[in-house]
Amino acid sequence: MIKGWRDLFRTHILERGLDYYESRAIKSLKQTEKGYEATVEGTEEYHVEIEISDNRIYDMFCDCPYAEDGNYCKHMAAVLYEITEGQAESTESTLDKH
């Protein structure tokens, strides 16, 4: 589980990312050798890559205008919510079946 990632984001960006996650704006998510790649539907479809090493974020990329200036964006936050919260939900639903 990735630790401390919420600290990387400004509060309002984190809240917007949570809104995107809850509204199911993540259209695709796949695990890669280095971390995750995702497509997030916003004003347009944005491509997000998150590199993870030893349960820590190593690097993040999004092709939205906000992230082009070197900022961590709501699309990245949404993907991280999906990775962390989505995994927790699937683990819980697996546990409920036993």
C-alpha atoms as a PDB file:
ATOM      1  CA  MET A   1       0.000   0.000   0.000  1.00  0.00           C
ATOM      2  CA  ILE A   2       1.312   3.413  -0.949  1.00  0.00           C
ATOM      3  CA  LYS A   3       1.921   5.574   2.113  1.00  0.00           C
ATOM      4  CA  GLY A   4       1.728   9.340   2.550  1.00  0.00           C
ATOM      5  CA  TRP A   5       0.696  10.172  -1.013  1.00  0.00           C
ATOM      6  CA  ARG A   6      -2.041  12.591   0.090  1.00  0.00           C
ATOM      7  CA  ASP A   7       0.663  14.885   1.513  1.00  0.00           C
ATOM      8  CA  LEU A   8       1.940  15.521  -2.033  1.00  0.00           C
ATOM      9  CA  PHE A   9      -1.225  17.381  -3.062  1.00  0.00           C
ATOM     10  CA  ARG A  10      -2.769  20.724  -2.190  1.00  0.00           C
ATOM     11  CA  THR A  11      -6.017  20.250  -0.274  1.00  0.00           C
ATOM     12  CA  HIS A  12      -8.330  21.532  -3.023  1.00  0.00           C
ATOM     13  CA  ILE A  13      -6.608  19.332  -5.629  1.00  0.00           C
ATOM     14  CA  LEU A  14      -7.014  16.306  -3.371  1.00  0.00           C
ATOM     15  CA  GLU A  15     -10.734  17.092  -2.971  1.00  0.00           C
ATOM     16  CA  ARG A  16     -11.181  17.404  -6.736  1.00  0.00           C
ATOM     17  CA  GLY A  17      -9.317  14.129  -7.226  1.00  0.00           C
ATOM     18  CA  LEU A  18     -11.657  12.441  -4.777  1.00  0.00           C
ATOM     19  CA  ASP A  19     -14.632  13.822  -6.730  1.00  0.00           C
ATOM     20  CA  TYR A  20     -13.188  12.372  -9.943  1.00  0.00           C
ATOM     21  CA  TYR A  21     -12.607   9.005  -8.261  1.00  0.00           C
ATOM     22  CA  GLU A  22     -16.126   8.902  -6.801  1.00  0.00           C
ATOM     23  CA  SER A  23     -17.694   9.885 -10.129  1.00  0.00           C
ATOM     24  CA  ARG A  24     -15.787   7.037 -11.810  1.00  0.00           C
ATOM     25  CA  ALA A  25     -13.793   9.310 -14.117  1.00  0.00           C
ATOM     26  CA  ILE A  26     -10.992   6.718 -14.341  1.00  0.00           C
ATOM     27  CA  LYS A  27     -11.684   4.944 -17.604  1.00  0.00           C
ATOM     28  CA  SER A  28      -8.734   2.568 -17.577  1.00  0.00           C
ATOM     29  CA  LEU A  29      -6.120   1.515 -15.049  1.00  0.00           C
ATOM     30  CA  LYS A  30      -3.370  -1.009 -15.522  1.00  0.00           C
ATOM     31  CA  GLN A  31      -0.418  -2.035 -13.445  1.00  0.00           C
ATOM     32  CA  THR A  32       2.938  -1.774 -15.185  1.00  0.00           C
ATOM     33  CA  GLU A  33       6.481  -2.800 -14.345  1.00  0.00           C
ATOM     34  CA  LYS A  34       7.140   0.612 -12.794  1.00  0.00           C
ATOM     35  CA  GLY A  35       3.720   1.391 -11.318  1.00  0.00           C
ATOM     36  CA  TYR A  36       0.437   2.300 -12.986  1.00  0.00           C
ATOM     37  CA  GLU A  37      -0.938   3.872 -16.147  1.00  0.00           C
ATOM     38  CA  ALA A  38      -4.448   5.266 -16.363  1.00  0.00           C
ATOM     39  CA  THR A  39      -6.821   7.258 -18.503  1.00  0.00           C
ATOM     40  CA  VAL A  40      -8.929   9.826 -16.657  1.00  0.00           C
ATOM     41  CA  GLU A  41     -11.877  11.583 -18.233  1.00  0.00           C
ATOM     42  CA  GLY A  42     -11.902  15.297 -17.510  1.00  0.00           C
ATOM     43  CA  THR A  43     -12.440  18.136 -19.953  1.00  0.00           C
ATOM     44  CA  GLU A  44     -10.613  15.723 -22.264  1.00  0.00           C
ATOM     45  CA  GLU A  45      -9.166  12.265 -21.674  1.00  0.00           C
ATOM     46  CA  TYR A  46      -5.874  12.569 -19.842  1.00  0.00           C
ATOM     47  CA  HIS A  47      -3.093  10.007 -19.597  1.00  0.00           C
ATOM     48  CA  VAL A  48      -1.606   9.503 -16.132  1.00  0.00           C
ATOM     49  CA  GLU A  49       1.496   7.522 -15.187  1.00  0.00           C
ATOM     50  CA  ILE A  50       2.558   6.878 -11.615  1.00  0.00           C
ATOM     51  CA  GLU A  51       5.896   5.247 -10.862  1.00  0.00           C
ATOM     52  CA  ILE A  52       6.112   3.450  -7.546  1.00  0.00           C
ATOM     53  CA  SER A  53       9.092   1.891  -5.831  1.00  0.00           C
ATOM     54  CA  ASP A  54       9.069   0.312  -2.352  1.00  0.00           C
ATOM     55  CA  ASN A  55       5.478   1.513  -1.731  1.00  0.00           C
ATOM     56  CA  ARG A  56       6.512   5.120  -2.357  1.00  0.00           C
ATOM     57  CA  ILE A  57       5.755   7.367  -5.285  1.00  0.00           C
ATOM     58  CA  TYR A  58       8.871   7.872  -7.363  1.00  0.00           C
ATOM     59  CA  ASP A  59       7.430  10.012 -10.165  1.00  0.00           C
ATOM     60  CA  MET A  60       4.079  11.098 -11.620  1.00  0.00           C
ATOM     61  CA  PHE A  61       3.044  12.359 -15.029  1.00  0.00           C
ATOM     62  CA  CYS A  62      -0.202  13.668 -16.503  1.00  0.00           C
ATOM     63  CA  ASP A  63      -0.669  15.349 -19.865  1.00  0.00           C
ATOM     64  CA  CYS A  64      -3.165  17.937 -18.557  1.00  0.00           C
ATOM     65  CA  PRO A  65      -2.217  21.656 -18.672  1.00  0.00           C
ATOM     66  CA  TYR A  66      -2.014  21.950 -14.854  1.00  0.00           C
ATOM     67  CA  ALA A  67       0.548  19.142 -14.599  1.00  0.00           C
ATOM     68  CA  GLU A  68       2.613  20.532 -17.491  1.00  0.00           C
ATOM     69  CA  ASP A  69       3.754  23.275 -15.107  1.00  0.00           C
ATOM     70  CA  GLY A  70       5.150  20.637 -12.747  1.00  0.00           C
ATOM     71  CA  ASN A  71       2.117  20.458 -10.451  1.00  0.00           C
ATOM     72  CA  TYR A  72       0.502  17.326  -9.094  1.00  0.00           C
ATOM     73  CA  CYS A  73      -3.038  17.362 -10.495  1.00  0.00           C
ATOM     74  CA  LYS A  74      -6.513  16.079  -9.648  1.00  0.00           C
ATOM     75  CA  HIS A  75      -6.157  13.355 -12.287  1.00  0.00           C
ATOM     76  CA  MET A  76      -3.130  11.934 -10.469  1.00  0.00           C
ATOM     77  CA  ALA A  77      -4.993  12.150  -7.164  1.00  0.00           C
ATOM     78  CA  ALA A  78      -8.001  10.355  -8.668  1.00  0.00           C
ATOM     79  CA  VAL A  79      -5.789   7.512  -9.880  1.00  0.00           C
ATOM     80  CA  LEU A  80      -4.134   7.225  -6.467  1.00  0.00           C
ATOM     81  CA  TYR A  81      -7.559   7.054  -4.817  1.00  0.00           C
ATOM     82  CA  GLU A  82      -8.488   4.296  -7.265  1.00  0.00           C
ATOM     83  CA  ILE A  83      -5.284   2.388  -6.517  1.00  0.00           C
ATOM     84  CA  THR A  84      -5.554   2.680  -2.732  1.00  0.00           C
ATOM     85  CA  GLU A  85      -9.309   2.848  -2.084  1.00  0.00           C
ATOM     86  CA  GLY A  86     -10.228   0.536  -4.951  1.00  0.00           C
ATOM     87  CA  GLN A  87      -7.833  -2.121  -3.670  1.00  0.00           C
ATOM     88  CA  ALA A  88      -9.266  -1.754  -0.175  1.00  0.00           C
ATOM     89  CA  GLU A  89     -12.815  -2.178  -1.486  1.00  0.00           C
ATOM     90  CA  SER A  90     -11.935  -5.280  -3.493  1.00  0.00           C
ATOM     91  CA  THR A  91     -10.125  -6.731  -0.470  1.00  0.00           C
ATOM     92  CA  GLU A  92     -13.147  -6.055   1.726  1.00  0.00           C
ATOM     93  CA  SER A  93     -15.562  -7.627  -0.738  1.00  0.00           C
ATOM     94  CA  THR A  94     -13.307 -10.689  -0.924  1.00  0.00           C
ATOM     95  CA  LEU A  95     -13.288 -10.906   2.869  1.00  0.00           C
ATOM     96  CA  ASP A  96     -17.084 -10.596   3.025  1.00  0.00           C
ATOM     97  CA  LYS A  97     -17.476 -13.780   0.970  1.00  0.00           C
ATOM     98  CA  HIS A  98     -15.721 -15.952   3.549  1.00  0.00           C
END
